[in-house]
């Protein structure tokens, strides 16, 4: 029980550790894994539950597919009853130690989610061996098939937490006994060959070029796992008269929201976005939304003294609806003005 609790505590602690956005699975790398856990054999082979230790080495041909050889060892597991098919002439139940060794060769498929967390599945073949310390009991040997499911959580480009549930099923015709050996393990995987050579980062934003969906953000901008600048969006409840782009003074408090955010976050820039509903021609709505965005940008400059260099105005017309344009309520939602902020200290 103490070993089980220790494994759970280790996993929980490791999951709380932060990891950089660039820490991801890499292709063409060697993987070395050290793990420990708990083995839960079935009762047909008369071996009790106990700790298991593993050592594995693999190679990732791509960031999704790899091949891995793994060995597991469980020392000194007790008998849980008579060994099936092996009676000792009038002897009663006795407890002997059993050393369990399992070997496997597996194909492994990683599901690339573009971040630190990488789930995977594996399928393979191998062998199972039980070495008994009672000479009257035959040692157990069998071919085995195995399957596993787990995840790797990368702390950096080299080191990852690995947690896995694996089941190996073997049988021996000679001994007539089946050995089903599920286990749960946790440990560390070392991705050898990853680093600057395996993770080029031309724009130095902390995201490998292979995963970077927004190359070349402004220097110092905070980015997400895809390498795109993190943004903060504020809706400005500014209403315009029909077919007009004049900003009424009553909406100064709304515009002040954008001004305050820029003042409170030095190094931040803003894009004022104008949107319309679908009433009218596409081209006309695009021009109208641009005029309205330009008007609010000018208010921020003239009334609140903000630098023109940190504010951009973009009209999107009717191209990005957020509600149903077939209803009056939906069209009202779509006629909106947004302040989208990004910079060196913006968090989502």
C-alpha atoms as a PDB file:
ATOM      1  CA  UNK A   1       0.000   0.000   0.000  1.00  0.00           C
ATOM      2  CA  UNK A   2       2.847   2.407   0.778  1.00  0.00           C
ATOM      3  CA  UNK A   3       4.349   1.820  -2.670  1.00  0.00           C
ATOM      4  CA  UNK A   4       0.988   2.519  -4.344  1.00  0.00           C
ATOM      5  CA  UNK A   5       0.570   5.759  -2.394  1.00  0.00           C
ATOM      6  CA  UNK A   6       4.132   6.826  -3.220  1.00  0.00           C
ATOM      7  CA  UNK A   7       3.492   6.319  -6.944  1.00  0.00           C
ATOM      8  CA  UNK A   8       0.283   8.344  -6.827  1.00  0.00           C
ATOM      9  CA  UNK A   9       2.010  11.130  -4.870  1.00  0.00           C
ATOM     10  CA  UNK A  10       4.901  11.226  -7.360  1.00  0.00           C
ATOM     11  CA  UNK A  11       2.510  11.485 -10.322  1.00  0.00           C
ATOM     12  CA  UNK A  12       0.457  14.228  -8.666  1.00  0.00           C
ATOM     13  CA  UNK A  13       3.574  16.247  -7.802  1.00  0.00           C
ATOM     14  CA  UNK A  14       5.034  15.912 -11.291  1.00  0.00           C
ATOM     15  CA  UNK A  15       1.815  17.047 -12.959  1.00  0.00           C
ATOM     16  CA  UNK A  16       1.921  20.272 -10.927  1.00  0.00           C
ATOM     17  CA  UNK A  17       5.345  21.232 -12.253  1.00  0.00           C
ATOM     18  CA  UNK A  18       5.280  23.832 -15.052  1.00  0.00           C
ATOM     19  CA  UNK A  19       6.759  23.090 -18.456  1.00  0.00           C
ATOM     20  CA  UNK A  20       7.741  25.451 -21.271  1.00  0.00           C
ATOM     21  CA  UNK A  21       5.601  25.654 -24.397  1.00  0.00           C
ATOM     22  CA  UNK A  22       8.396  24.216 -26.541  1.00  0.00           C
ATOM     23  CA  UNK A  23       8.714  20.984 -24.552  1.00  0.00           C
ATOM     24  CA  UNK A  24       7.247  18.445 -26.933  1.00  0.00           C
ATOM     25  CA  UNK A  25       7.802  15.030 -28.469  1.00  0.00           C
ATOM     26  CA  UNK A  26      10.514  15.008 -31.141  1.00  0.00           C
ATOM     27  CA  UNK A  27      11.148  12.652 -34.011  1.00  0.00           C
ATOM     28  CA  UNK A  28      14.455  10.911 -34.761  1.00  0.00           C
ATOM     29  CA  UNK A  29      15.334  10.688 -31.061  1.00  0.00           C
ATOM     30  CA  UNK A  30      16.328   7.884 -28.683  1.00  0.00           C
ATOM     31  CA  UNK A  31      14.174   7.450 -25.576  1.00  0.00           C
ATOM     32  CA  UNK A  32      15.457   5.963 -22.311  1.00  0.00           C
ATOM     33  CA  UNK A  33      12.851   5.225 -19.602  1.00  0.00           C
ATOM     34  CA  UNK A  34      13.295   4.333 -15.930  1.00  0.00           C
ATOM     35  CA  UNK A  35      10.077   3.383 -14.156  1.00  0.00           C
ATOM     36  CA  UNK A  36       8.603   1.725 -11.123  1.00  0.00           C
ATOM     37  CA  UNK A  37       5.120   0.653 -10.178  1.00  0.00           C
ATOM     38  CA  UNK A  38       2.897  -2.196  -9.084  1.00  0.00           C
ATOM     39  CA  UNK A  39       2.154  -5.574 -10.664  1.00  0.00           C
ATOM     40  CA  UNK A  40      -1.251  -7.235 -10.284  1.00  0.00           C
ATOM     41  CA  UNK A  41      -0.907 -10.883 -11.492  1.00  0.00           C
ATOM     42  CA  UNK A  42      -3.979 -13.067 -11.866  1.00  0.00           C
ATOM     43  CA  UNK A  43      -4.550 -15.893  -9.393  1.00  0.00           C
ATOM     44  CA  UNK A  44      -3.969 -18.712 -11.889  1.00  0.00           C
ATOM     45  CA  UNK A  45      -0.210 -18.601 -11.453  1.00  0.00           C
ATOM     46  CA  UNK A  46      -0.177 -18.283  -7.655  1.00  0.00           C
ATOM     47  CA  UNK A  47       1.890 -15.091  -7.453  1.00  0.00           C
ATOM     48  CA  UNK A  48       0.927 -12.232  -5.162  1.00  0.00           C
ATOM     49  CA  UNK A  49       0.820  -8.533  -6.124  1.00  0.00           C
ATOM     50  CA  UNK A  50       4.043  -6.630  -5.724  1.00  0.00           C
ATOM     51  CA  UNK A  51       6.375  -3.880  -6.902  1.00  0.00           C
ATOM     52  CA  UNK A  52       7.777  -3.892 -10.430  1.00  0.00           C
ATOM     53  CA  UNK A  53      10.731  -2.035 -11.907  1.00  0.00           C
ATOM     54  CA  UNK A  54      11.269  -1.271 -15.571  1.00  0.00           C
ATOM     55  CA  UNK A  55      13.965  -0.155 -17.978  1.00  0.00           C
ATOM     56  CA  UNK A  56      13.193   0.698 -21.587  1.00  0.00           C
ATOM     57  CA  UNK A  57      14.923   2.033 -24.666  1.00  0.00           C
ATOM     58  CA  UNK A  58      13.231   3.120 -27.857  1.00  0.00           C
ATOM     59  CA  UNK A  59      13.589   5.112 -31.014  1.00  0.00           C
ATOM     60  CA  UNK A  60      11.097   7.604 -32.426  1.00  0.00           C
ATOM     61  CA  UNK A  61      11.138   7.556 -36.204  1.00  0.00           C
ATOM     62  CA  UNK A  62       8.737  10.529 -36.172  1.00  0.00           C
ATOM     63  CA  UNK A  63       7.107  12.494 -33.376  1.00  0.00           C
ATOM     64  CA  UNK A  64       4.151  10.069 -33.655  1.00  0.00           C
ATOM     65  CA  UNK A  65       5.647   6.615 -34.307  1.00  0.00           C
ATOM     66  CA  UNK A  66       8.358   4.705 -32.509  1.00  0.00           C
ATOM     67  CA  UNK A  67       9.642   1.260 -31.523  1.00  0.00           C
ATOM     68  CA  UNK A  68      10.537   0.334 -27.954  1.00  0.00           C
ATOM     69  CA  UNK A  69      12.141  -2.560 -26.069  1.00  0.00           C
ATOM     70  CA  UNK A  70      11.245  -2.830 -22.388  1.00  0.00           C
ATOM     71  CA  UNK A  71      12.217  -5.111 -19.529  1.00  0.00           C
ATOM     72  CA  UNK A  72      10.389  -5.443 -16.195  1.00  0.00           C
ATOM     73  CA  UNK A  73      11.494  -7.195 -13.009  1.00  0.00           C
ATOM     74  CA  UNK A  74       9.470  -8.015  -9.878  1.00  0.00           C
ATOM     75  CA  UNK A  75      11.654  -9.583  -7.166  1.00  0.00           C
ATOM     76  CA  UNK A  76      10.599 -11.863  -4.316  1.00  0.00           C
ATOM     77  CA  UNK A  77       6.852 -12.054  -4.909  1.00  0.00           C
ATOM     78  CA  UNK A  78       5.084 -14.455  -2.527  1.00  0.00           C
ATOM     79  CA  UNK A  79       2.904 -17.414  -3.508  1.00  0.00           C
ATOM     80  CA  UNK A  80      -0.760 -16.767  -2.872  1.00  0.00           C
ATOM     81  CA  UNK A  81      -1.692 -20.481  -2.619  1.00  0.00           C
ATOM     82  CA  UNK A  82      -0.724 -23.844  -4.054  1.00  0.00           C
ATOM     83  CA  UNK A  83       0.899 -23.524  -7.429  1.00  0.00           C
ATOM     84  CA  UNK A  84      -1.597 -24.998  -9.910  1.00  0.00           C
ATOM     85  CA  UNK A  85      -0.699 -28.443 -11.190  1.00  0.00           C
ATOM     86  CA  UNK A  86       2.357 -28.830  -8.954  1.00  0.00           C
ATOM     87  CA  UNK A  87       1.554 -30.600  -5.676  1.00  0.00           C
ATOM     88  CA  UNK A  88       4.236 -31.664  -3.247  1.00  0.00           C
ATOM     89  CA  UNK A  89       2.996 -35.087  -2.030  1.00  0.00           C
ATOM     90  CA  UNK A  90       1.058 -34.386   1.145  1.00  0.00           C
ATOM     91  CA  UNK A  91       2.840 -31.088   1.841  1.00  0.00           C
ATOM     92  CA  UNK A  92       0.647 -28.246   2.995  1.00  0.00           C
ATOM     93  CA  UNK A  93       0.654 -24.731   1.557  1.00  0.00           C
ATOM     94  CA  UNK A  94       4.040 -23.092   1.796  1.00  0.00           C
ATOM     95  CA  UNK A  95       5.224 -19.609   0.861  1.00  0.00           C
ATOM     96  CA  UNK A  96       8.132 -19.260  -1.541  1.00  0.00           C
ATOM     97  CA  UNK A  97       9.634 -16.328  -3.394  1.00  0.00           C
ATOM     98  CA  UNK A  98       9.077 -15.857  -7.128  1.00  0.00           C
ATOM     99  CA  UNK A  99      11.154 -13.543  -9.311  1.00  0.00           C
ATOM    100  CA  UNK A 100       9.123 -12.352 -12.274  1.00  0.00           C
ATOM    101  CA  UNK A 101      10.827 -11.059 -15.428  1.00  0.00           C
ATOM    102  CA  UNK A 102       8.964  -9.745 -18.463  1.00  0.00           C
ATOM    103  CA  UNK A 103      10.369  -8.570 -21.789  1.00  0.00           C
ATOM    104  CA  UNK A 104       8.516  -6.845 -24.601  1.00  0.00           C
ATOM    105  CA  UNK A 105       9.070  -5.234 -27.987  1.00  0.00           C
ATOM    106  CA  UNK A 106       6.326  -2.755 -28.855  1.00  0.00           C
ATOM    107  CA  UNK A 107       5.254  -0.320 -31.504  1.00  0.00           C
ATOM    108  CA  UNK A 108       4.195   2.941 -29.893  1.00  0.00           C
ATOM    109  CA  UNK A 109       1.996   5.700 -31.298  1.00  0.00           C
ATOM    110  CA  UNK A 110       2.079   9.171 -29.749  1.00  0.00           C
ATOM    111  CA  UNK A 111      -0.861  11.544 -30.208  1.00  0.00           C
ATOM    112  CA  UNK A 112       0.716  14.930 -30.890  1.00  0.00           C
ATOM    113  CA  UNK A 113      -1.416  17.603 -29.201  1.00  0.00           C
ATOM    114  CA  UNK A 114       1.122  20.367 -29.800  1.00  0.00           C
ATOM    115  CA  UNK A 115       2.018  20.846 -26.128  1.00  0.00           C
ATOM    116  CA  UNK A 116       3.733  19.319 -23.115  1.00  0.00           C
ATOM    117  CA  UNK A 117       1.112  16.570 -22.691  1.00  0.00           C
ATOM    118  CA  UNK A 118       1.450  13.615 -25.094  1.00  0.00           C
ATOM    119  CA  UNK A 119      -0.815  10.556 -24.698  1.00  0.00           C
ATOM    120  CA  UNK A 120       0.140   7.308 -26.409  1.00  0.00           C
ATOM    121  CA  UNK A 121      -0.839   3.676 -27.016  1.00  0.00           C
ATOM    122  CA  UNK A 122       1.429   0.655 -27.534  1.00  0.00           C
ATOM    123  CA  UNK A 123       1.094  -2.904 -28.813  1.00  0.00           C
ATOM    124  CA  UNK A 124       3.736  -5.602 -28.840  1.00  0.00           C
ATOM    125  CA  UNK A 125       5.009  -9.114 -28.118  1.00  0.00           C
ATOM    126  CA  UNK A 126       7.503 -10.570 -25.691  1.00  0.00           C
ATOM    127  CA  UNK A 127       8.073 -13.212 -23.034  1.00  0.00           C
ATOM    128  CA  UNK A 128       7.323 -13.884 -19.362  1.00  0.00           C
ATOM    129  CA  UNK A 129       9.520 -15.777 -16.912  1.00  0.00           C
ATOM    130  CA  UNK A 130       8.994 -16.799 -13.267  1.00  0.00           C
ATOM    131  CA  UNK A 131      12.014 -18.113 -11.384  1.00  0.00           C
ATOM    132  CA  UNK A 132      10.893 -19.990  -8.247  1.00  0.00           C
ATOM    133  CA  UNK A 133      13.067 -20.657  -5.222  1.00  0.00           C
ATOM    134  CA  UNK A 134      11.373 -24.040  -4.575  1.00  0.00           C
ATOM    135  CA  UNK A 135      13.156 -26.613  -6.742  1.00  0.00           C
ATOM    136  CA  UNK A 136      10.132 -28.932  -6.862  1.00  0.00           C
ATOM    137  CA  UNK A 137       8.179 -26.225  -8.686  1.00  0.00           C
ATOM    138  CA  UNK A 138       9.089 -25.731 -12.295  1.00  0.00           C
ATOM    139  CA  UNK A 139      10.020 -22.274 -13.469  1.00  0.00           C
ATOM    140  CA  UNK A 140       7.443 -20.645 -15.711  1.00  0.00           C
ATOM    141  CA  UNK A 141       8.163 -19.497 -19.264  1.00  0.00           C
ATOM    142  CA  UNK A 142       5.758 -18.259 -21.913  1.00  0.00           C
ATOM    143  CA  UNK A 143       5.299 -16.167 -25.012  1.00  0.00           C
ATOM    144  CA  UNK A 144       3.215 -13.040 -24.285  1.00  0.00           C
ATOM    145  CA  UNK A 145       1.270 -10.325 -26.061  1.00  0.00           C
ATOM    146  CA  UNK A 146       0.959  -6.914 -24.456  1.00  0.00           C
ATOM    147  CA  UNK A 147      -0.875  -3.620 -24.841  1.00  0.00           C
ATOM    148  CA  UNK A 148      -0.498  -0.325 -23.025  1.00  0.00           C
ATOM    149  CA  UNK A 149      -1.924   3.150 -22.713  1.00  0.00           C
ATOM    150  CA  UNK A 150      -0.305   6.142 -21.062  1.00  0.00           C
ATOM    151  CA  UNK A 151       1.041   9.642 -21.370  1.00  0.00           C
ATOM    152  CA  UNK A 152       4.258  11.628 -21.280  1.00  0.00           C
ATOM    153  CA  UNK A 153       4.406  15.107 -19.768  1.00  0.00           C
ATOM    154  CA  UNK A 154       7.501  17.013 -20.873  1.00  0.00           C
ATOM    155  CA  UNK A 155       9.183  19.310 -18.354  1.00  0.00           C
ATOM    156  CA  UNK A 156      11.637  20.370 -21.061  1.00  0.00           C
ATOM    157  CA  UNK A 157      12.891  19.042 -24.389  1.00  0.00           C
ATOM    158  CA  UNK A 158      14.796  16.197 -22.695  1.00  0.00           C
ATOM    159  CA  UNK A 159      12.930  15.020 -19.567  1.00  0.00           C
ATOM    160  CA  UNK A 160       9.319  13.834 -19.329  1.00  0.00           C
ATOM    161  CA  UNK A 161       7.136  12.210 -16.698  1.00  0.00           C
ATOM    162  CA  UNK A 162       5.760   8.927 -18.039  1.00  0.00           C
ATOM    163  CA  UNK A 163       2.701   7.155 -16.604  1.00  0.00           C
ATOM    164  CA  UNK A 164       1.416   3.908 -18.106  1.00  0.00           C
ATOM    165  CA  UNK A 165      -1.107   1.118 -17.600  1.00  0.00           C
ATOM    166  CA  UNK A 166       0.073  -2.069 -19.331  1.00  0.00           C
ATOM    167  CA  UNK A 167      -1.247  -5.622 -19.573  1.00  0.00           C
ATOM    168  CA  UNK A 168       0.740  -8.669 -20.717  1.00  0.00           C
ATOM    169  CA  UNK A 169      -1.021 -11.956 -21.419  1.00  0.00           C
ATOM    170  CA  UNK A 170       0.978 -15.161 -21.633  1.00  0.00           C
ATOM    171  CA  UNK A 171       0.350 -18.895 -21.535  1.00  0.00           C
ATOM    172  CA  UNK A 172       2.367 -22.064 -21.314  1.00  0.00           C
ATOM    173  CA  UNK A 173       1.040 -25.250 -22.925  1.00  0.00           C
ATOM    174  CA  UNK A 174       3.477 -27.382 -20.952  1.00  0.00           C
ATOM    175  CA  UNK A 175       2.409 -26.051 -17.575  1.00  0.00           C
ATOM    176  CA  UNK A 176      -1.209 -25.395 -18.488  1.00  0.00           C
ATOM    177  CA  UNK A 177      -1.188 -22.087 -16.675  1.00  0.00           C
ATOM    178  CA  UNK A 178      -2.052 -18.621 -17.949  1.00  0.00           C
ATOM    179  CA  UNK A 179      -0.281 -15.538 -16.644  1.00  0.00           C
ATOM    180  CA  UNK A 180      -2.129 -12.263 -17.032  1.00  0.00           C
ATOM    181  CA  UNK A 181       0.071  -9.487 -15.639  1.00  0.00           C
ATOM    182  CA  UNK A 182      -1.466  -5.998 -15.600  1.00  0.00           C
ATOM    183  CA  UNK A 183       0.644  -3.247 -14.065  1.00  0.00           C
ATOM    184  CA  UNK A 184       0.660   0.504 -13.436  1.00  0.00           C
ATOM    185  CA  UNK A 185       3.995   2.306 -13.643  1.00  0.00           C
ATOM    186  CA  UNK A 186       5.359   5.845 -13.401  1.00  0.00           C
ATOM    187  CA  UNK A 187       8.826   7.126 -14.144  1.00  0.00           C
ATOM    188  CA  UNK A 188      10.997   9.418 -16.212  1.00  0.00           C
ATOM    189  CA  UNK A 189      11.729   9.335 -19.929  1.00  0.00           C
ATOM    190  CA  UNK A 190      14.855  10.985 -21.322  1.00  0.00           C
ATOM    191  CA  UNK A 191      14.596  12.153 -24.941  1.00  0.00           C
ATOM    192  CA  UNK A 192      18.172  11.847 -26.186  1.00  0.00           C
ATOM    193  CA  UNK A 193      18.965  13.887 -29.258  1.00  0.00           C
ATOM    194  CA  UNK A 194      16.394  16.602 -28.603  1.00  0.00           C
ATOM    195  CA  UNK A 195      17.544  20.155 -28.048  1.00  0.00           C
ATOM    196  CA  UNK A 196      18.698  23.005 -30.290  1.00  0.00           C
ATOM    197  CA  UNK A 197      19.569  20.672 -33.159  1.00  0.00           C
ATOM    198  CA  UNK A 198      16.179  18.945 -32.942  1.00  0.00           C
ATOM    199  CA  UNK A 199      14.231  22.060 -32.073  1.00  0.00           C
ATOM    200  CA  UNK A 200      15.107  25.051 -34.210  1.00  0.00           C
ATOM    201  CA  UNK A 201      13.455  28.253 -32.959  1.00  0.00           C
ATOM    202  CA  UNK A 202      14.263  30.975 -35.445  1.00  0.00           C
ATOM    203  CA  UNK A 203      12.064  33.656 -33.864  1.00  0.00           C
ATOM    204  CA  UNK A 204      13.212  32.782 -30.289  1.00  0.00           C
ATOM    205  CA  UNK A 205       9.682  32.675 -28.923  1.00  0.00           C
ATOM    206  CA  UNK A 206      10.208  29.369 -27.096  1.00  0.00           C
ATOM    207  CA  UNK A 207       8.226  27.259 -29.585  1.00  0.00           C
ATOM    208  CA  UNK A 208       9.979  24.900 -32.011  1.00  0.00           C
ATOM    209  CA  UNK A 209       9.683  25.989 -35.629  1.00  0.00           C
ATOM    210  CA  UNK A 210       8.103  22.637 -36.453  1.00  0.00           C
ATOM    211  CA  UNK A 211       5.150  23.501 -34.175  1.00  0.00           C
ATOM    212  CA  UNK A 212       5.116  27.294 -34.588  1.00  0.00           C
ATOM    213  CA  UNK A 213       1.894  28.445 -36.258  1.00  0.00           C
ATOM    214  CA  UNK A 214       2.710  32.151 -35.922  1.00  0.00           C
ATOM    215  CA  UNK A 215       6.391  32.663 -36.789  1.00  0.00           C
ATOM    216  CA  UNK A 216       7.896  36.091 -36.188  1.00  0.00           C
ATOM    217  CA  UNK A 217       5.832  37.659 -33.367  1.00  0.00           C
ATOM    218  CA  UNK A 218       7.105  41.004 -32.019  1.00  0.00           C
ATOM    219  CA  UNK A 219      10.073  40.527 -29.711  1.00  0.00           C
ATOM    220  CA  UNK A 220       9.095  39.903 -26.112  1.00  0.00           C
ATOM    221  CA  UNK A 221       5.419  39.153 -26.773  1.00  0.00           C
ATOM    222  CA  UNK A 222       3.978  36.322 -24.716  1.00  0.00           C
ATOM    223  CA  UNK A 223       2.912  33.421 -26.916  1.00  0.00           C
ATOM    224  CA  UNK A 224       0.806  30.292 -26.510  1.00  0.00           C
ATOM    225  CA  UNK A 225       1.760  26.665 -27.264  1.00  0.00           C
ATOM    226  CA  UNK A 226       1.292  27.349 -30.995  1.00  0.00           C
ATOM    227  CA  UNK A 227       3.697  30.308 -30.963  1.00  0.00           C
ATOM    228  CA  UNK A 228       0.884  32.833 -31.468  1.00  0.00           C
ATOM    229  CA  UNK A 229       0.738  36.020 -29.366  1.00  0.00           C
ATOM    230  CA  UNK A 230      -1.534  35.708 -26.354  1.00  0.00           C
ATOM    231  CA  UNK A 231      -4.345  38.228 -26.656  1.00  0.00           C
ATOM    232  CA  UNK A 232      -6.922  39.789 -24.364  1.00  0.00           C
ATOM    233  CA  UNK A 233     -10.204  40.901 -25.912  1.00  0.00           C
ATOM    234  CA  UNK A 234     -12.513  43.558 -24.450  1.00  0.00           C
ATOM    235  CA  UNK A 235     -15.895  44.303 -25.984  1.00  0.00           C
ATOM    236  CA  UNK A 236     -16.631  48.019 -26.177  1.00  0.00           C
ATOM    237  CA  UNK A 237     -20.359  48.693 -25.932  1.00  0.00           C
ATOM    238  CA  UNK A 238     -20.352  51.542 -28.440  1.00  0.00           C
ATOM    239  CA  UNK A 239     -23.474  52.079 -30.584  1.00  0.00           C
ATOM    240  CA  UNK A 240     -23.584  53.995 -33.827  1.00  0.00           C
ATOM    241  CA  UNK A 241     -26.498  55.588 -35.613  1.00  0.00           C
ATOM    242  CA  UNK A 242     -27.634  53.839 -38.772  1.00  0.00           C
ATOM    243  CA  UNK A 243     -25.021  54.103 -41.523  1.00  0.00           C
ATOM    244  CA  UNK A 244     -22.913  56.450 -39.353  1.00  0.00           C
ATOM    245  CA  UNK A 245     -19.435  56.270 -37.831  1.00  0.00           C
ATOM    246  CA  UNK A 246     -19.619  59.236 -35.442  1.00  0.00           C
ATOM    247  CA  UNK A 247     -18.760  58.314 -31.831  1.00  0.00           C
ATOM    248  CA  UNK A 248     -21.144  59.943 -29.344  1.00  0.00           C
ATOM    249  CA  UNK A 249     -19.671  61.425 -26.134  1.00  0.00           C
ATOM    250  CA  UNK A 250     -21.897  59.183 -24.003  1.00  0.00           C
ATOM    251  CA  UNK A 251     -19.653  56.243 -24.962  1.00  0.00           C
ATOM    252  CA  UNK A 252     -16.445  57.770 -23.596  1.00  0.00           C
ATOM    253  CA  UNK A 253     -16.516  55.444 -20.522  1.00  0.00           C
ATOM    254  CA  UNK A 254     -16.547  52.430 -22.825  1.00  0.00           C
ATOM    255  CA  UNK A 255     -13.637  53.703 -24.880  1.00  0.00           C
ATOM    256  CA  UNK A 256     -11.801  54.482 -21.649  1.00  0.00           C
ATOM    257  CA  UNK A 257     -11.703  50.723 -20.968  1.00  0.00           C
ATOM    258  CA  UNK A 258      -9.307  50.315 -23.870  1.00  0.00           C
ATOM    259  CA  UNK A 259      -7.264  53.342 -22.829  1.00  0.00           C
ATOM    260  CA  UNK A 260      -6.956  52.111 -19.254  1.00  0.00           C
ATOM    261  CA  UNK A 261      -5.831  48.661 -20.367  1.00  0.00           C
ATOM    262  CA  UNK A 262      -3.099  50.121 -22.559  1.00  0.00           C
ATOM    263  CA  UNK A 263      -1.923  52.413 -19.762  1.00  0.00           C
ATOM    264  CA  UNK A 264      -1.935  49.597 -17.201  1.00  0.00           C
ATOM    265  CA  UNK A 265       0.031  47.273 -19.469  1.00  0.00           C
ATOM    266  CA  UNK A 266       3.093  49.024 -20.887  1.00  0.00           C
ATOM    267  CA  UNK A 267       4.466  47.339 -23.970  1.00  0.00           C
ATOM    268  CA  UNK A 268       0.972  46.388 -25.123  1.00  0.00           C
ATOM    269  CA  UNK A 269      -0.609  47.207 -28.466  1.00  0.00           C
ATOM    270  CA  UNK A 270      -4.277  47.244 -29.441  1.00  0.00           C
ATOM    271  CA  UNK A 271      -6.257  46.378 -32.529  1.00  0.00           C
ATOM    272  CA  UNK A 272      -9.679  48.000 -32.646  1.00  0.00           C
ATOM    273  CA  UNK A 273     -11.944  45.655 -34.598  1.00  0.00           C
ATOM    274  CA  UNK A 274     -15.172  46.756 -36.228  1.00  0.00           C
ATOM    275  CA  UNK A 275     -17.902  44.227 -37.115  1.00  0.00           C
ATOM    276  CA  UNK A 276     -21.334  44.518 -38.706  1.00  0.00           C
ATOM    277  CA  UNK A 277     -24.386  42.361 -39.266  1.00  0.00           C
ATOM    278  CA  UNK A 278     -25.280  40.930 -42.683  1.00  0.00           C
ATOM    279  CA  UNK A 279     -27.752  43.612 -43.742  1.00  0.00           C
ATOM    280  CA  UNK A 280     -26.348  45.375 -46.805  1.00  0.00           C
ATOM    281  CA  UNK A 281     -23.685  44.585 -49.367  1.00  0.00           C
ATOM    282  CA  UNK A 282     -20.480  42.885 -48.237  1.00  0.00           C
ATOM    283  CA  UNK A 283     -18.200  45.588 -49.613  1.00  0.00           C
ATOM    284  CA  UNK A 284     -20.215  48.363 -48.059  1.00  0.00           C
ATOM    285  CA  UNK A 285     -20.271  46.690 -44.642  1.00  0.00           C
ATOM    286  CA  UNK A 286     -16.519  46.196 -44.795  1.00  0.00           C
ATOM    287  CA  UNK A 287     -15.964  49.910 -45.430  1.00  0.00           C
ATOM    288  CA  UNK A 288     -18.489  50.899 -42.741  1.00  0.00           C
ATOM    289  CA  UNK A 289     -16.838  48.707 -40.128  1.00  0.00           C
ATOM    290  CA  UNK A 290     -13.439  50.181 -41.023  1.00  0.00           C
ATOM    291  CA  UNK A 291     -14.749  53.749 -40.609  1.00  0.00           C
ATOM    292  CA  UNK A 292     -16.178  52.905 -37.202  1.00  0.00           C
ATOM    293  CA  UNK A 293     -12.961  51.232 -36.035  1.00  0.00           C
ATOM    294  CA  UNK A 294     -10.978  54.240 -37.296  1.00  0.00           C
ATOM    295  CA  UNK A 295     -13.303  56.574 -35.380  1.00  0.00           C
ATOM    296  CA  UNK A 296     -12.712  54.791 -32.065  1.00  0.00           C
ATOM    297  CA  UNK A 297      -8.961  54.662 -32.684  1.00  0.00           C
ATOM    298  CA  UNK A 298      -8.998  58.439 -33.226  1.00  0.00           C
ATOM    299  CA  UNK A 299     -10.940  58.940 -29.982  1.00  0.00           C
ATOM    300  CA  UNK A 300      -8.241  57.033 -28.093  1.00  0.00           C
ATOM    301  CA  UNK A 301      -5.590  59.298 -29.605  1.00  0.00           C
ATOM    302  CA  UNK A 302      -7.389  62.642 -29.316  1.00  0.00           C
ATOM    303  CA  UNK A 303      -9.236  62.282 -26.000  1.00  0.00           C
ATOM    304  CA  UNK A 304      -6.964  59.909 -24.066  1.00  0.00           C
ATOM    305  CA  UNK A 305      -3.556  60.914 -25.424  1.00  0.00           C
ATOM    306  CA  UNK A 306      -2.469  57.480 -26.594  1.00  0.00           C
ATOM    307  CA  UNK A 307       0.280  57.089 -29.157  1.00  0.00           C
ATOM    308  CA  UNK A 308      -0.946  56.298 -32.686  1.00  0.00           C
ATOM    309  CA  UNK A 309       1.846  53.731 -32.967  1.00  0.00           C
ATOM    310  CA  UNK A 310       0.244  51.367 -30.446  1.00  0.00           C
ATOM    311  CA  UNK A 311      -3.272  51.344 -31.923  1.00  0.00           C
ATOM    312  CA  UNK A 312      -4.427  49.769 -35.158  1.00  0.00           C
ATOM    313  CA  UNK A 313      -7.947  49.821 -36.622  1.00  0.00           C
ATOM    314  CA  UNK A 314      -9.294  46.937 -38.700  1.00  0.00           C
ATOM    315  CA  UNK A 315     -12.760  46.539 -40.189  1.00  0.00           C
ATOM    316  CA  UNK A 316     -14.048  43.002 -40.666  1.00  0.00           C
ATOM    317  CA  UNK A 317     -17.493  43.835 -42.006  1.00  0.00           C
ATOM    318  CA  UNK A 318     -19.894  40.917 -41.702  1.00  0.00           C
ATOM    319  CA  UNK A 319     -17.244  38.195 -42.096  1.00  0.00           C
ATOM    320  CA  UNK A 320     -17.044  37.084 -38.435  1.00  0.00           C
ATOM    321  CA  UNK A 321     -20.551  36.759 -36.988  1.00  0.00           C
ATOM    322  CA  UNK A 322     -20.922  35.489 -33.435  1.00  0.00           C
ATOM    323  CA  UNK A 323     -24.717  35.144 -33.549  1.00  0.00           C
ATOM    324  CA  UNK A 324     -27.542  34.342 -35.958  1.00  0.00           C
ATOM    325  CA  UNK A 325     -28.026  37.149 -38.479  1.00  0.00           C
ATOM    326  CA  UNK A 326     -31.584  35.976 -39.188  1.00  0.00           C
ATOM    327  CA  UNK A 327     -32.830  37.428 -35.883  1.00  0.00           C
ATOM    328  CA  UNK A 328     -32.831  41.002 -34.609  1.00  0.00           C
ATOM    329  CA  UNK A 329     -31.077  39.930 -31.387  1.00  0.00           C
ATOM    330  CA  UNK A 330     -28.408  38.084 -33.338  1.00  0.00           C
ATOM    331  CA  UNK A 331     -27.762  41.038 -35.634  1.00  0.00           C
ATOM    332  CA  UNK A 332     -27.386  43.301 -32.599  1.00  0.00           C
ATOM    333  CA  UNK A 333     -24.722  40.952 -31.212  1.00  0.00           C
ATOM    334  CA  UNK A 334     -22.857  40.996 -34.507  1.00  0.00           C
ATOM    335  CA  UNK A 335     -22.740  44.812 -34.654  1.00  0.00           C
ATOM    336  CA  UNK A 336     -19.861  45.070 -32.237  1.00  0.00           C
ATOM    337  CA  UNK A 337     -16.531  46.789 -31.579  1.00  0.00           C
ATOM    338  CA  UNK A 338     -13.688  44.907 -29.911  1.00  0.00           C
ATOM    339  CA  UNK A 339     -10.366  45.907 -28.428  1.00  0.00           C
ATOM    340  CA  UNK A 340      -7.844  43.081 -28.942  1.00  0.00           C
ATOM    341  CA  UNK A 341      -4.668  43.547 -26.912  1.00  0.00           C
ATOM    342  CA  UNK A 342      -1.303  41.779 -27.153  1.00  0.00           C
ATOM    343  CA  UNK A 343       2.117  42.499 -25.740  1.00  0.00           C
ATOM    344  CA  UNK A 344       4.883  41.597 -23.333  1.00  0.00           C
ATOM    345  CA  UNK A 345       2.721  41.229 -20.213  1.00  0.00           C
ATOM    346  CA  UNK A 346      -0.695  40.210 -21.558  1.00  0.00           C
ATOM    347  CA  UNK A 347      -2.068  36.918 -20.229  1.00  0.00           C
ATOM    348  CA  UNK A 348      -5.191  35.185 -21.445  1.00  0.00           C
END
